């Protein structure tokens, strides 16, 4: 299967409070995933990072192998 989205060692904090710490995730072509967890665990933050509405403090967001950390949302070929 072909990797579409990769999160590599993603770290994100708000006001000094870590929300995501060294998160790694691979999403493959034709795969359907669900993020499940309690309030405040980072589900929406992860989606916002993939969509380009947040920037990771550390790590890389890749789309088809290309780093897209600094690509604006309207230029990303992803939907959440």
N, C-alpha and C. Protein backbone atom coordinates (compact mmCIF):
# COMPACT_ATOMS: atom_id res chain seq x y z
N UNK A 1 0.83 -1.19 0.00
CA UNK A 1 0.00 0.00 0.00
C UNK A 1 0.87 1.25 0.00
N UNK A 2 0.32 2.29 -0.56
CA UNK A 2 1.03 3.56 -0.71
C UNK A 2 0.73 4.48 0.48
N UNK A 3 1.80 5.03 1.10
CA UNK A 3 1.62 5.98 2.20
C UNK A 3 1.18 7.31 1.64
N UNK A 4 0.08 7.84 2.18
CA UNK A 4 -0.43 9.14 1.75
C UNK A 4 0.01 10.23 2.72
N UNK A 5 -0.24 10.02 4.01
CA UNK A 5 0.10 11.01 5.03
C UNK A 5 1.00 10.36 6.06
N UNK A 6 2.05 11.08 6.46
CA UNK A 6 2.94 10.62 7.51
C UNK A 6 3.12 11.74 8.53
N UNK A 7 3.01 11.40 9.78
CA UNK A 7 3.39 12.30 10.85
C UNK A 7 4.63 11.69 11.49
N UNK A 8 5.71 12.46 11.55
CA UNK A 8 6.98 11.95 12.08
C UNK A 8 7.41 12.78 13.28
N UNK A 9 7.42 12.14 14.44
CA UNK A 9 7.90 12.76 15.68
C UNK A 9 7.25 14.12 15.94
N UNK A 10 5.95 14.19 15.78
CA UNK A 10 5.22 15.45 15.94
C UNK A 10 5.09 15.81 17.42
N UNK A 11 5.45 17.04 17.74
CA UNK A 11 5.29 17.59 19.07
C UNK A 11 4.59 18.94 18.93
N UNK A 12 3.59 19.17 19.78
CA UNK A 12 2.86 20.44 19.77
C UNK A 12 2.43 20.76 21.19
N UNK A 13 2.66 22.01 21.59
CA UNK A 13 2.26 22.47 22.92
C UNK A 13 1.52 23.79 22.77
N UNK A 14 0.63 24.06 23.70
CA UNK A 14 -0.08 25.33 23.78
C UNK A 14 0.17 25.91 25.16
N UNK A 15 0.65 27.14 25.20
CA UNK A 15 0.96 27.81 26.47
C UNK A 15 1.83 26.94 27.37
N UNK A 16 2.79 26.28 26.77
CA UNK A 16 3.72 25.45 27.54
C UNK A 16 3.20 24.08 27.93
N UNK A 17 1.93 23.80 27.65
CA UNK A 17 1.34 22.50 27.97
C UNK A 17 1.41 21.58 26.75
N UNK A 18 2.15 20.48 26.84
CA UNK A 18 2.23 19.57 25.68
C UNK A 18 0.89 18.90 25.40
N UNK A 19 0.53 18.89 24.12
CA UNK A 19 -0.69 18.23 23.68
C UNK A 19 -0.31 16.96 22.93
N UNK A 20 0.69 17.05 22.06
CA UNK A 20 1.20 15.90 21.32
C UNK A 20 2.71 15.80 21.57
N UNK A 21 3.18 14.60 21.87
CA UNK A 21 4.60 14.40 22.12
C UNK A 21 5.11 13.23 21.31
N UNK A 22 5.99 13.51 20.36
CA UNK A 22 6.62 12.50 19.52
C UNK A 22 5.62 11.53 18.90
N UNK A 23 4.59 12.08 18.27
CA UNK A 23 3.56 11.26 17.63
C UNK A 23 4.03 10.84 16.24
N UNK A 24 3.86 9.56 15.94
CA UNK A 24 4.15 9.01 14.62
C UNK A 24 2.89 8.32 14.12
N UNK A 25 2.51 8.62 12.88
CA UNK A 25 1.30 8.03 12.30
C UNK A 25 1.48 7.93 10.80
N UNK A 26 1.12 6.79 10.24
CA UNK A 26 1.13 6.59 8.79
C UNK A 26 -0.31 6.31 8.35
N UNK A 27 -0.75 7.00 7.32
CA UNK A 27 -2.07 6.77 6.75
C UNK A 27 -1.87 6.36 5.29
N UNK A 28 -2.43 5.21 4.95
CA UNK A 28 -2.21 4.64 3.62
C UNK A 28 -3.40 4.88 2.70
N UNK A 29 -3.15 4.76 1.40
CA UNK A 29 -4.17 4.91 0.38
C UNK A 29 -5.35 3.97 0.66
N UNK A 30 -6.56 4.47 0.49
CA UNK A 30 -7.81 3.73 0.69
C UNK A 30 -8.03 3.28 2.13
N UNK A 31 -7.35 3.91 3.06
CA UNK A 31 -7.52 3.56 4.47
C UNK A 31 -8.48 4.55 5.12
N UNK A 32 -9.32 4.06 5.99
CA UNK A 32 -10.25 4.89 6.75
C UNK A 32 -9.82 4.80 8.20
N UNK A 33 -9.51 5.96 8.82
CA UNK A 33 -9.08 5.93 10.21
C UNK A 33 -10.00 6.79 11.07
N UNK A 34 -10.01 6.49 12.33
CA UNK A 34 -10.78 7.25 13.31
C UNK A 34 -9.86 7.58 14.47
N UNK A 35 -9.93 8.82 14.93
CA UNK A 35 -9.18 9.23 16.11
C UNK A 35 -10.14 9.19 17.29
N UNK A 36 -9.78 8.46 18.30
CA UNK A 36 -10.66 8.27 19.45
C UNK A 36 -9.87 8.54 20.72
N UNK A 37 -10.43 9.32 21.60
CA UNK A 37 -9.78 9.59 22.87
C UNK A 37 -10.53 10.64 23.64
N UNK A 38 -10.12 10.86 24.89
CA UNK A 38 -10.82 11.83 25.74
C UNK A 38 -10.56 13.26 25.30
N UNK A 39 -11.39 14.15 25.80
CA UNK A 39 -11.24 15.57 25.52
C UNK A 39 -9.85 16.03 25.93
N UNK A 40 -9.20 16.79 25.03
CA UNK A 40 -7.88 17.34 25.34
C UNK A 40 -6.71 16.45 25.01
N UNK A 41 -6.96 15.29 24.38
CA UNK A 41 -5.84 14.37 24.12
C UNK A 41 -5.09 14.67 22.82
N UNK A 42 -5.61 15.60 21.99
CA UNK A 42 -4.88 16.00 20.78
C UNK A 42 -5.50 15.58 19.47
N UNK A 43 -6.72 15.06 19.48
CA UNK A 43 -7.36 14.62 18.23
C UNK A 43 -7.51 15.76 17.24
N UNK A 44 -8.12 16.85 17.68
CA UNK A 44 -8.35 17.99 16.79
C UNK A 44 -7.04 18.65 16.41
N UNK A 45 -6.11 18.71 17.34
CA UNK A 45 -4.79 19.29 17.03
C UNK A 45 -4.12 18.50 15.92
N UNK A 46 -4.20 17.18 15.98
CA UNK A 46 -3.60 16.36 14.94
C UNK A 46 -4.24 16.64 13.58
N UNK A 47 -5.56 16.75 13.54
CA UNK A 47 -6.25 17.06 12.28
C UNK A 47 -5.88 18.45 11.78
N UNK A 48 -5.75 19.40 12.69
CA UNK A 48 -5.37 20.77 12.31
C UNK A 48 -3.93 20.82 11.78
N UNK A 49 -3.07 19.98 12.30
CA UNK A 49 -1.70 19.90 11.78
C UNK A 49 -1.69 19.32 10.36
N UNK A 50 -2.48 18.28 10.14
CA UNK A 50 -2.55 17.68 8.80
C UNK A 50 -3.15 18.68 7.81
N UNK A 51 -4.18 19.41 8.24
CA UNK A 51 -4.84 20.38 7.38
C UNK A 51 -4.06 21.67 7.16
N UNK A 52 -3.05 21.91 7.99
CA UNK A 52 -2.24 23.13 7.82
C UNK A 52 -2.73 24.31 8.64
N UNK A 53 -3.64 24.09 9.56
CA UNK A 53 -4.17 25.18 10.39
C UNK A 53 -3.34 25.38 11.65
N UNK A 54 -2.44 24.45 11.94
CA UNK A 54 -1.46 24.55 13.02
C UNK A 54 -0.12 24.10 12.45
N UNK A 55 0.95 24.54 13.07
CA UNK A 55 2.30 24.13 12.70
C UNK A 55 2.91 23.37 13.86
N UNK A 56 3.54 22.23 13.60
CA UNK A 56 4.13 21.49 14.71
C UNK A 56 5.32 22.25 15.31
N UNK A 57 5.50 22.09 16.61
CA UNK A 57 6.69 22.66 17.26
C UNK A 57 7.92 21.88 16.85
N UNK A 58 7.76 20.58 16.68
CA UNK A 58 8.83 19.69 16.21
C UNK A 58 8.20 18.62 15.33
N UNK A 59 9.00 18.05 14.44
CA UNK A 59 8.55 16.95 13.61
C UNK A 59 8.13 17.39 12.23
N UNK A 60 7.70 16.41 11.45
CA UNK A 60 7.33 16.65 10.05
C UNK A 60 5.97 16.08 9.72
N UNK A 61 5.25 16.82 8.87
CA UNK A 61 4.01 16.34 8.27
C UNK A 61 4.34 16.13 6.79
N UNK A 62 4.15 14.90 6.30
CA UNK A 62 4.45 14.60 4.91
C UNK A 62 3.21 14.15 4.17
N UNK A 63 3.09 14.59 2.92
CA UNK A 63 2.01 14.17 2.04
C UNK A 63 2.67 13.59 0.80
N UNK A 64 2.43 12.31 0.55
CA UNK A 64 3.06 11.59 -0.56
C UNK A 64 4.58 11.75 -0.52
N UNK A 65 5.14 11.71 0.70
CA UNK A 65 6.59 11.77 0.87
C UNK A 65 7.19 13.15 0.88
N UNK A 66 6.39 14.18 0.63
CA UNK A 66 6.89 15.56 0.58
C UNK A 66 6.51 16.30 1.86
N UNK A 67 7.49 16.95 2.48
CA UNK A 67 7.24 17.71 3.71
C UNK A 67 6.33 18.90 3.39
N UNK A 68 5.24 19.03 4.17
CA UNK A 68 4.28 20.11 3.93
C UNK A 68 4.07 21.00 5.15
N UNK A 69 5.00 20.98 6.10
CA UNK A 69 4.87 21.79 7.32
C UNK A 69 4.53 23.25 7.03
N UNK A 70 5.15 23.82 6.01
CA UNK A 70 4.97 25.24 5.72
C UNK A 70 4.03 25.52 4.54
N UNK A 71 3.35 24.50 4.05
CA UNK A 71 2.40 24.68 2.95
C UNK A 71 1.07 25.16 3.53
N UNK A 72 0.51 26.27 3.01
CA UNK A 72 -0.76 26.77 3.55
C UNK A 72 -1.92 25.81 3.28
N UNK A 73 -2.96 25.88 4.11
CA UNK A 73 -4.09 24.95 3.98
C UNK A 73 -4.70 24.89 2.58
N UNK A 74 -4.84 26.03 1.93
CA UNK A 74 -5.51 26.04 0.62
C UNK A 74 -4.67 25.38 -0.48
N UNK A 75 -3.39 25.10 -0.20
CA UNK A 75 -2.55 24.42 -1.18
C UNK A 75 -2.33 22.95 -0.86
N UNK A 76 -2.96 22.46 0.21
CA UNK A 76 -2.81 21.06 0.58
C UNK A 76 -3.96 20.25 -0.04
N UNK A 77 -3.62 19.14 -0.60
CA UNK A 77 -4.61 18.28 -1.25
C UNK A 77 -5.13 17.24 -0.24
N UNK A 78 -5.60 17.73 0.91
CA UNK A 78 -6.13 16.85 1.94
C UNK A 78 -7.47 17.36 2.45
N UNK A 79 -8.29 16.46 2.93
CA UNK A 79 -9.57 16.81 3.56
C UNK A 79 -9.64 16.08 4.90
N UNK A 80 -10.30 16.71 5.86
CA UNK A 80 -10.46 16.02 7.15
C UNK A 80 -11.94 15.94 7.47
